[in-house]
């Protein structure tokens, strides 16, 4: 990328990669920038439970509260609203356009969440798909 493109994307920010990793050669902390940083932040918000971060107790989405619930249309609405609120409160660089919750596999409890959003400063649209399991994973055969 040229210098001009990087300057125009500076508002997207940069930060630590998640999971936190270090380069093998010089043990430097790996950083992410721009779109990758926003996608990693969305993923982090989706995986974090409220209260998990002592200095930011309201950070996260709290999706873990939906584990083991019956997969019904009302649950789809609850998950959708929880995600919209979590992203509104925790990721100021984006505006959520829509959140779609689909029960992809009732047997395994797979729920796919599709988030359509745009960057606030450029109105560029993007989407993010987050796979979420409501039922506990197991290797046991029935």
N, C-alpha and C. Protein backbone atom coordinates (compact mmCIF):
# COMPACT_ATOMS: atom_id res chain seq x y z
N UNK A 1 0.83 -1.19 0.00
CA UNK A 1 0.00 0.00 0.00
C UNK A 1 0.87 1.24 0.00
N UNK A 2 0.41 2.27 -0.63
CA UNK A 2 1.19 3.49 -0.63
C UNK A 2 0.88 4.32 0.61
N UNK A 3 1.71 5.30 0.85
CA UNK A 3 1.60 6.15 2.05
C UNK A 3 0.26 6.89 2.09
N UNK A 4 -0.23 7.37 0.97
CA UNK A 4 -1.48 8.12 0.92
C UNK A 4 -2.67 7.26 1.37
N UNK A 5 -2.73 6.00 0.95
CA UNK A 5 -3.81 5.11 1.35
C UNK A 5 -3.77 4.86 2.85
N UNK A 6 -2.59 4.65 3.41
CA UNK A 6 -2.46 4.43 4.85
C UNK A 6 -2.91 5.64 5.65
N UNK A 7 -2.57 6.83 5.19
CA UNK A 7 -2.96 8.04 5.90
C UNK A 7 -4.48 8.18 5.89
N UNK A 8 -5.13 7.86 4.80
CA UNK A 8 -6.58 7.99 4.73
C UNK A 8 -7.31 6.95 5.57
N UNK A 9 -6.62 5.90 5.99
CA UNK A 9 -7.24 4.85 6.82
C UNK A 9 -6.87 4.97 8.29
N UNK A 10 -6.09 5.96 8.66
CA UNK A 10 -5.64 6.09 10.05
C UNK A 10 -6.79 6.12 11.05
N UNK A 11 -7.94 6.66 10.69
CA UNK A 11 -9.07 6.74 11.61
C UNK A 11 -9.58 5.35 12.01
N UNK A 12 -9.27 4.32 11.20
CA UNK A 12 -9.70 2.97 11.53
C UNK A 12 -8.92 2.40 12.71
N UNK A 13 -7.75 2.95 12.97
CA UNK A 13 -7.00 2.59 14.15
C UNK A 13 -6.13 1.35 14.00
N UNK A 14 -5.42 1.09 15.08
CA UNK A 14 -4.57 -0.10 15.17
C UNK A 14 -4.55 -0.52 16.62
N UNK A 15 -4.09 -1.73 16.86
CA UNK A 15 -4.03 -2.24 18.22
C UNK A 15 -3.43 -3.62 18.27
N UNK A 16 -3.41 -4.18 19.44
CA UNK A 16 -2.85 -5.52 19.64
C UNK A 16 -3.65 -6.53 18.84
N UNK A 17 -2.96 -7.52 18.31
CA UNK A 17 -3.66 -8.61 17.63
C UNK A 17 -4.35 -9.47 18.69
N UNK A 18 -5.38 -10.16 18.28
CA UNK A 18 -6.06 -11.08 19.20
C UNK A 18 -6.22 -12.41 18.51
N UNK A 19 -5.78 -13.50 19.12
CA UNK A 19 -5.11 -13.55 20.42
C UNK A 19 -3.75 -12.87 20.37
N UNK A 20 -3.30 -12.41 21.52
CA UNK A 20 -2.03 -11.70 21.62
C UNK A 20 -0.91 -12.64 21.17
N UNK A 21 -0.09 -12.17 20.22
CA UNK A 21 1.02 -12.96 19.71
C UNK A 21 2.26 -12.09 19.60
N UNK A 22 3.40 -12.76 19.58
CA UNK A 22 4.68 -12.08 19.44
C UNK A 22 5.41 -12.67 18.25
N UNK A 23 6.19 -11.85 17.57
CA UNK A 23 6.95 -12.35 16.42
C UNK A 23 8.09 -13.23 16.93
N UNK A 24 8.41 -14.27 16.17
CA UNK A 24 9.42 -15.24 16.58
C UNK A 24 10.81 -14.64 16.57
N UNK A 25 11.11 -13.80 15.59
CA UNK A 25 12.46 -13.29 15.43
C UNK A 25 12.89 -12.31 16.50
N UNK A 26 12.07 -11.31 16.77
CA UNK A 26 12.48 -10.26 17.70
C UNK A 26 11.57 -10.10 18.91
N UNK A 27 10.66 -11.00 19.11
CA UNK A 27 9.73 -11.00 20.26
C UNK A 27 8.93 -9.71 20.37
N UNK A 28 8.66 -9.07 19.24
CA UNK A 28 7.85 -7.86 19.23
C UNK A 28 6.37 -8.23 19.25
N UNK A 29 5.59 -7.42 19.90
CA UNK A 29 4.15 -7.61 19.95
C UNK A 29 3.56 -7.41 18.55
N UNK A 30 2.71 -8.34 18.10
CA UNK A 30 2.06 -8.21 16.79
C UNK A 30 0.89 -7.24 16.91
N UNK A 31 0.80 -6.33 15.96
CA UNK A 31 -0.29 -5.36 15.91
C UNK A 31 -1.13 -5.58 14.67
N UNK A 32 -2.38 -5.15 14.72
CA UNK A 32 -3.23 -5.18 13.53
C UNK A 32 -3.64 -3.75 13.23
N UNK A 33 -4.00 -3.50 11.97
CA UNK A 33 -4.39 -2.16 11.56
C UNK A 33 -5.67 -2.21 10.74
N UNK A 34 -6.34 -1.07 10.75
CA UNK A 34 -7.43 -0.77 9.86
C UNK A 34 -8.57 -1.80 9.92
N UNK A 35 -8.99 -2.34 8.78
CA UNK A 35 -10.14 -3.25 8.74
C UNK A 35 -9.92 -4.49 9.59
N UNK A 36 -8.70 -5.02 9.57
CA UNK A 36 -8.40 -6.22 10.36
C UNK A 36 -8.58 -5.94 11.85
N UNK A 37 -8.16 -4.75 12.28
CA UNK A 37 -8.31 -4.38 13.68
C UNK A 37 -9.77 -4.30 14.08
N UNK A 38 -10.61 -3.74 13.22
CA UNK A 38 -12.04 -3.65 13.53
C UNK A 38 -12.67 -5.04 13.58
N UNK A 39 -12.34 -5.91 12.64
CA UNK A 39 -12.88 -7.27 12.66
C UNK A 39 -12.45 -8.03 13.91
N UNK A 40 -11.20 -7.87 14.31
CA UNK A 40 -10.74 -8.53 15.53
C UNK A 40 -11.45 -7.96 16.76
N UNK A 41 -11.73 -6.66 16.76
CA UNK A 41 -12.44 -6.06 17.89
C UNK A 41 -13.88 -6.57 17.96
N UNK A 42 -14.53 -6.69 16.82
CA UNK A 42 -15.89 -7.25 16.81
C UNK A 42 -15.87 -8.67 17.36
N UNK A 43 -14.92 -9.46 16.92
CA UNK A 43 -14.78 -10.83 17.41
C UNK A 43 -14.55 -10.85 18.92
N UNK A 44 -13.71 -9.97 19.41
CA UNK A 44 -13.42 -9.90 20.84
C UNK A 44 -14.67 -9.50 21.63
N UNK A 45 -15.41 -8.54 21.12
CA UNK A 45 -16.65 -8.12 21.79
C UNK A 45 -17.63 -9.29 21.86
N UNK A 46 -17.75 -10.03 20.76
CA UNK A 46 -18.69 -11.15 20.72
C UNK A 46 -18.30 -12.26 21.70
N UNK A 47 -17.02 -12.47 21.94
CA UNK A 47 -16.55 -13.55 22.80
C UNK A 47 -16.48 -13.19 24.28
N UNK A 48 -16.55 -11.92 24.60
CA UNK A 48 -16.34 -11.48 25.98
C UNK A 48 -17.65 -11.39 26.74
N UNK A 49 -17.62 -11.87 27.96
CA UNK A 49 -18.77 -11.81 28.85
C UNK A 49 -18.69 -10.54 29.69
N UNK A 50 -19.82 -9.97 30.08
CA UNK A 50 -19.82 -8.79 30.93
C UNK A 50 -19.10 -9.11 32.24
N UNK A 51 -18.26 -8.18 32.69
CA UNK A 51 -17.54 -8.35 33.95
C UNK A 51 -16.24 -9.11 33.81
N UNK A 52 -15.95 -9.62 32.62
CA UNK A 52 -14.72 -10.39 32.41
C UNK A 52 -13.49 -9.50 32.48
N UNK A 53 -13.63 -8.26 32.09
CA UNK A 53 -12.53 -7.29 32.16
C UNK A 53 -12.75 -6.41 33.38
N UNK A 54 -11.88 -6.53 34.39
CA UNK A 54 -12.09 -5.80 35.65
C UNK A 54 -12.18 -4.28 35.50
N UNK A 55 -11.41 -3.70 34.58
CA UNK A 55 -11.41 -2.26 34.44
C UNK A 55 -12.42 -1.77 33.40
N UNK A 56 -13.09 -2.67 32.76
CA UNK A 56 -14.15 -2.33 31.79
C UNK A 56 -15.26 -3.37 31.92
N UNK A 57 -16.00 -3.35 33.04
CA UNK A 57 -16.99 -4.40 33.30
C UNK A 57 -18.15 -4.45 32.31
N UNK A 58 -18.42 -3.36 31.59
CA UNK A 58 -19.51 -3.35 30.62
C UNK A 58 -19.06 -3.75 29.22
N UNK A 59 -17.76 -4.06 29.06
CA UNK A 59 -17.24 -4.46 27.76
C UNK A 59 -17.70 -5.87 27.44
N UNK A 60 -18.08 -6.13 26.20
CA UNK A 60 -18.48 -7.46 25.76
C UNK A 60 -19.91 -7.50 25.30
N UNK A 61 -20.36 -8.71 24.98
CA UNK A 61 -21.73 -8.88 24.50
C UNK A 61 -22.58 -9.71 25.44
N UNK A 62 -21.96 -10.58 26.21
CA UNK A 62 -22.73 -11.43 27.10
C UNK A 62 -23.48 -12.53 26.39
N UNK A 63 -23.03 -12.92 25.19
CA UNK A 63 -23.73 -13.98 24.45
C UNK A 63 -23.75 -15.31 25.22
N UNK A 64 -22.86 -15.47 26.16
CA UNK A 64 -22.79 -16.72 26.91
C UNK A 64 -24.06 -16.96 27.72
N UNK A 65 -24.83 -15.93 27.98
CA UNK A 65 -26.09 -16.11 28.71
C UNK A 65 -27.12 -16.89 27.90
N UNK A 66 -26.89 -17.03 26.58
CA UNK A 66 -27.82 -17.75 25.71
C UNK A 66 -27.47 -19.22 25.55
N UNK A 67 -26.38 -19.66 26.18
CA UNK A 67 -26.00 -21.08 26.09
C UNK A 67 -27.14 -21.94 26.63
N UNK A 68 -27.41 -23.04 25.95
CA UNK A 68 -28.36 -24.06 26.37
C UNK A 68 -29.82 -23.60 26.35
N UNK A 69 -30.11 -22.50 25.69
CA UNK A 69 -31.50 -22.06 25.58
C UNK A 69 -32.13 -22.73 24.36
N UNK A 70 -33.45 -22.84 24.40
CA UNK A 70 -34.18 -23.43 23.28
C UNK A 70 -34.13 -22.50 22.08
N UNK A 71 -33.85 -23.08 20.93
CA UNK A 71 -33.70 -22.29 19.71
C UNK A 71 -35.08 -21.95 19.15
N UNK A 72 -35.57 -20.77 19.51
CA UNK A 72 -36.88 -20.30 19.09
C UNK A 72 -36.74 -18.92 18.46
N UNK A 73 -37.74 -18.48 17.72
CA UNK A 73 -37.68 -17.14 17.09
C UNK A 73 -37.46 -16.00 18.10
N UNK A 74 -38.02 -16.12 19.29
CA UNK A 74 -37.80 -15.07 20.29
C UNK A 74 -36.34 -14.99 20.70
N UNK A 75 -35.66 -16.13 20.73
CA UNK A 75 -34.23 -16.15 21.05
C UNK A 75 -33.43 -15.42 19.97
N UNK A 76 -33.83 -15.57 18.72
CA UNK A 76 -33.16 -14.86 17.63
C UNK A 76 -33.24 -13.35 17.86
N UNK A 77 -34.40 -12.87 18.25
CA UNK A 77 -34.57 -11.44 18.53
C UNK A 77 -33.73 -10.97 19.70
N UNK A 78 -33.66 -11.79 20.75
CA UNK A 78 -32.85 -11.43 21.92
C UNK A 78 -31.37 -11.34 21.56
N UNK A 79 -30.89 -12.32 20.80
CA UNK A 79 -29.48 -12.32 20.38
C UNK A 79 -29.20 -11.11 19.50
N UNK A 80 -30.09 -10.83 18.56
CA UNK A 80 -29.92 -9.70 17.65
C UNK A 80 -29.81 -8.38 18.42
N UNK A 81 -30.70 -8.15 19.36
CA UNK A 81 -30.69 -6.90 20.12
C UNK A 81 -29.48 -6.82 21.04
N UNK A 82 -29.07 -7.93 21.62
CA UNK A 82 -27.87 -7.97 22.47
C UNK A 82 -26.64 -7.56 21.69
N UNK A 83 -26.50 -8.09 20.48
CA UNK A 83 -25.34 -7.79 19.64
C UNK A 83 -25.35 -6.33 19.20
N UNK A 84 -26.51 -5.82 18.78
CA UNK A 84 -26.60 -4.42 18.37
C UNK A 84 -26.18 -3.49 19.51
N UNK A 85 -26.67 -3.77 20.70
CA UNK A 85 -26.34 -2.94 21.87
C UNK A 85 -24.86 -3.04 22.21
N UNK A 86 -24.31 -4.26 22.18
CA UNK A 86 -22.90 -4.45 22.51
C UNK A 86 -21.99 -3.70 21.54
N UNK A 87 -22.30 -3.76 20.26
CA UNK A 87 -21.47 -3.06 19.27
C UNK A 87 -21.65 -1.54 19.36
N UNK A 88 -22.84 -1.10 19.64
CA UNK A 88 -23.09 0.33 19.81
C UNK A 88 -22.27 0.88 20.98
N UNK A 89 -22.21 0.13 22.07
CA UNK A 89 -21.53 0.58 23.28
C UNK A 89 -20.01 0.39 23.24
N UNK A 90 -19.52 -0.55 22.44
CA UNK A 90 -18.10 -0.91 22.52
C UNK A 90 -17.27 -0.66 21.26
N UNK A 91 -17.89 -0.40 20.14
CA UNK A 91 -17.12 -0.17 18.91
C UNK A 91 -17.60 1.11 18.23
N UNK A 92 -17.03 2.26 18.61
CA UNK A 92 -17.50 3.55 18.08
C UNK A 92 -17.11 3.84 16.64
N UNK A 93 -16.23 3.04 16.04
CA UNK A 93 -15.78 3.29 14.68
C UNK A 93 -16.76 2.82 13.62
N UNK A 94 -17.78 2.05 14.03
CA UNK A 94 -18.73 1.51 13.06
C UNK A 94 -20.16 1.86 13.43
N UNK A 95 -21.04 1.79 12.41
CA UNK A 95 -22.47 1.91 12.62
C UNK A 95 -23.09 0.61 12.12
N UNK A 96 -23.81 -0.08 12.98
CA UNK A 96 -24.43 -1.35 12.62
C UNK A 96 -25.67 -1.06 11.79
N UNK A 97 -25.71 -1.66 10.61
CA UNK A 97 -26.86 -1.51 9.71
C UNK A 97 -27.90 -2.58 10.01
N UNK A 98 -27.44 -3.83 10.11
CA UNK A 98 -28.37 -4.93 10.42
C UNK A 98 -27.62 -6.09 11.05
N UNK A 99 -28.35 -6.86 11.82
CA UNK A 99 -27.83 -8.10 12.41
C UNK A 99 -28.83 -9.19 12.08
N UNK A 100 -28.34 -10.26 11.45
CA UNK A 100 -29.20 -11.39 11.10
C UNK A 100 -28.74 -12.59 11.91
N UNK A 101 -29.68 -13.25 12.58
CA UNK A 101 -29.39 -14.42 13.38
C UNK A 101 -30.09 -15.61 12.74
N UNK A 102 -29.31 -16.63 12.36
CA UNK A 102 -29.88 -17.82 11.70
C UNK A 102 -29.49 -19.07 12.48
N UNK A 103 -30.49 -19.91 12.76
CA UNK A 103 -30.24 -21.20 13.38
C UNK A 103 -29.82 -22.15 12.27
N UNK A 104 -28.52 -22.30 12.07
CA UNK A 104 -27.98 -23.05 10.95
C UNK A 104 -28.10 -24.56 11.14
N UNK A 105 -27.81 -25.04 12.35
CA UNK A 105 -27.83 -26.48 12.61
C UNK A 105 -28.46 -26.71 13.98
N UNK A 106 -29.70 -27.16 14.00
CA UNK A 106 -30.41 -27.37 15.27
C UNK A 106 -29.80 -28.51 16.08
N UNK A 107 -29.24 -29.50 15.42
CA UNK A 107 -28.66 -30.66 16.10
C UNK A 107 -27.44 -30.26 16.94
N UNK A 108 -26.55 -29.49 16.36
CA UNK A 108 -25.33 -29.09 17.08
C UNK A 108 -25.48 -27.76 17.79
N UNK A 109 -26.56 -27.04 17.53
CA UNK A 109 -26.77 -25.75 18.17
C UNK A 109 -26.03 -24.60 17.51
N UNK A 110 -25.68 -24.74 16.24
CA UNK A 110 -24.94 -23.69 15.55
C UNK A 110 -25.86 -22.54 15.17
N UNK A 111 -25.45 -21.36 15.57
CA UNK A 111 -26.16 -20.13 15.23
C UNK A 111 -25.16 -19.25 14.47
N UNK A 112 -25.55 -18.79 13.30
CA UNK A 112 -24.68 -17.88 12.54
C UNK A 112 -25.25 -16.47 12.64
N UNK A 113 -24.39 -15.58 13.07
CA UNK A 113 -24.76 -14.18 13.20
C UNK A 113 -24.05 -13.40 12.10
N UNK A 114 -24.80 -12.70 11.27
CA UNK A 114 -24.22 -11.86 10.22
C UNK A 114 -24.46 -10.41 10.59
N UNK A 115 -23.37 -9.67 10.67
CA UNK A 115 -23.42 -8.26 11.06
C UNK A 115 -23.05 -7.43 9.83
N UNK A 116 -23.97 -6.61 9.38
CA UNK A 116 -23.69 -5.66 8.30
C UNK A 116 -23.45 -4.30 8.95
N UNK A 117 -22.33 -3.69 8.62
CA UNK A 117 -21.98 -2.42 9.25
C UNK A 117 -21.25 -1.54 8.26
N UNK A 118 -21.11 -0.26 8.63
CA UNK A 118 -20.31 0.64 7.81
C UNK A 118 -19.41 1.47 8.73
N UNK A 119 -18.28 1.88 8.16
CA UNK A 119 -17.37 2.74 8.89
C UNK A 119 -17.97 4.12 8.98
N UNK A 120 -17.91 4.72 10.15
CA UNK A 120 -18.54 6.02 10.36
C UNK A 120 -18.00 7.12 9.46
N UNK A 121 -16.70 7.16 9.22
CA UNK A 121 -16.13 8.28 8.51
C UNK A 121 -16.17 8.16 6.98
N UNK A 122 -16.31 6.94 6.47
CA UNK A 122 -16.29 6.79 5.01
C UNK A 122 -17.57 6.21 4.43
N UNK A 123 -18.45 5.73 5.28
CA UNK A 123 -19.69 5.08 4.84
C UNK A 123 -19.43 3.86 3.96
N UNK A 124 -18.28 3.22 4.14
CA UNK A 124 -17.95 1.99 3.43
C UNK A 124 -18.63 0.84 4.16
N UNK A 125 -19.37 0.01 3.41
CA UNK A 125 -20.11 -1.10 4.01
C UNK A 125 -19.28 -2.38 4.04
N UNK A 126 -19.44 -3.14 5.13
CA UNK A 126 -18.77 -4.42 5.31
C UNK A 126 -19.71 -5.36 6.05
N UNK A 127 -19.35 -6.63 6.07
CA UNK A 127 -20.11 -7.56 6.90
C UNK A 127 -19.16 -8.50 7.62
N UNK A 128 -19.68 -9.13 8.66
CA UNK A 128 -18.90 -10.01 9.51
C UNK A 128 -19.81 -11.17 9.90
N UNK A 129 -19.33 -12.40 9.77
CA UNK A 129 -20.13 -13.57 10.15
C UNK A 129 -19.47 -14.20 11.37
N UNK A 130 -20.26 -14.40 12.41
CA UNK A 130 -19.77 -14.96 13.66
C UNK A 130 -20.51 -16.27 13.93
N UNK A 131 -19.80 -17.41 13.96
CA UNK A 131 -20.46 -18.68 14.31
C UNK A 131 -20.55 -18.81 15.83
N UNK A 132 -21.69 -19.18 16.32
CA UNK A 132 -21.95 -19.22 17.75
C UNK A 132 -22.69 -20.52 18.07
N UNK A 133 -22.19 -21.28 19.03
CA UNK A 133 -22.82 -22.55 19.40
C UNK A 133 -23.60 -22.39 20.69
N UNK A 134 -24.90 -22.71 20.65
CA UNK A 134 -25.74 -22.62 21.83
C UNK A 134 -25.59 -23.87 22.70
N UNK A 135 -25.42 -25.02 22.07
CA UNK A 135 -25.28 -26.27 22.80
C UNK A 135 -23.81 -26.56 23.02
N UNK A 136 -23.52 -27.32 24.08
CA UNK A 136 -22.14 -27.66 24.42
C UNK A 136 -21.58 -28.67 23.42
N UNK A 137 -20.35 -28.47 23.01
CA UNK A 137 -19.69 -29.41 22.11
C UNK A 137 -19.25 -30.65 22.87
N UNK A 138 -19.33 -31.79 22.25
CA UNK A 138 -18.93 -33.04 22.89
C UNK A 138 -18.48 -34.04 21.85
N UNK A 139 -17.67 -34.99 22.25
CA UNK A 139 -17.23 -36.06 21.36
C UNK A 139 -17.98 -37.36 21.64
N UNK A 140 -18.92 -37.33 22.55
CA UNK A 140 -19.67 -38.54 22.89
C UNK A 140 -20.61 -38.93 21.79
N UNK A 141 -20.72 -40.21 21.54
CA UNK A 141 -21.65 -40.74 20.54
C UNK A 141 -22.95 -41.11 21.24
N UNK A 142 -24.05 -40.95 20.56
CA UNK A 142 -25.36 -41.32 21.15
C UNK A 142 -25.68 -42.75 20.83
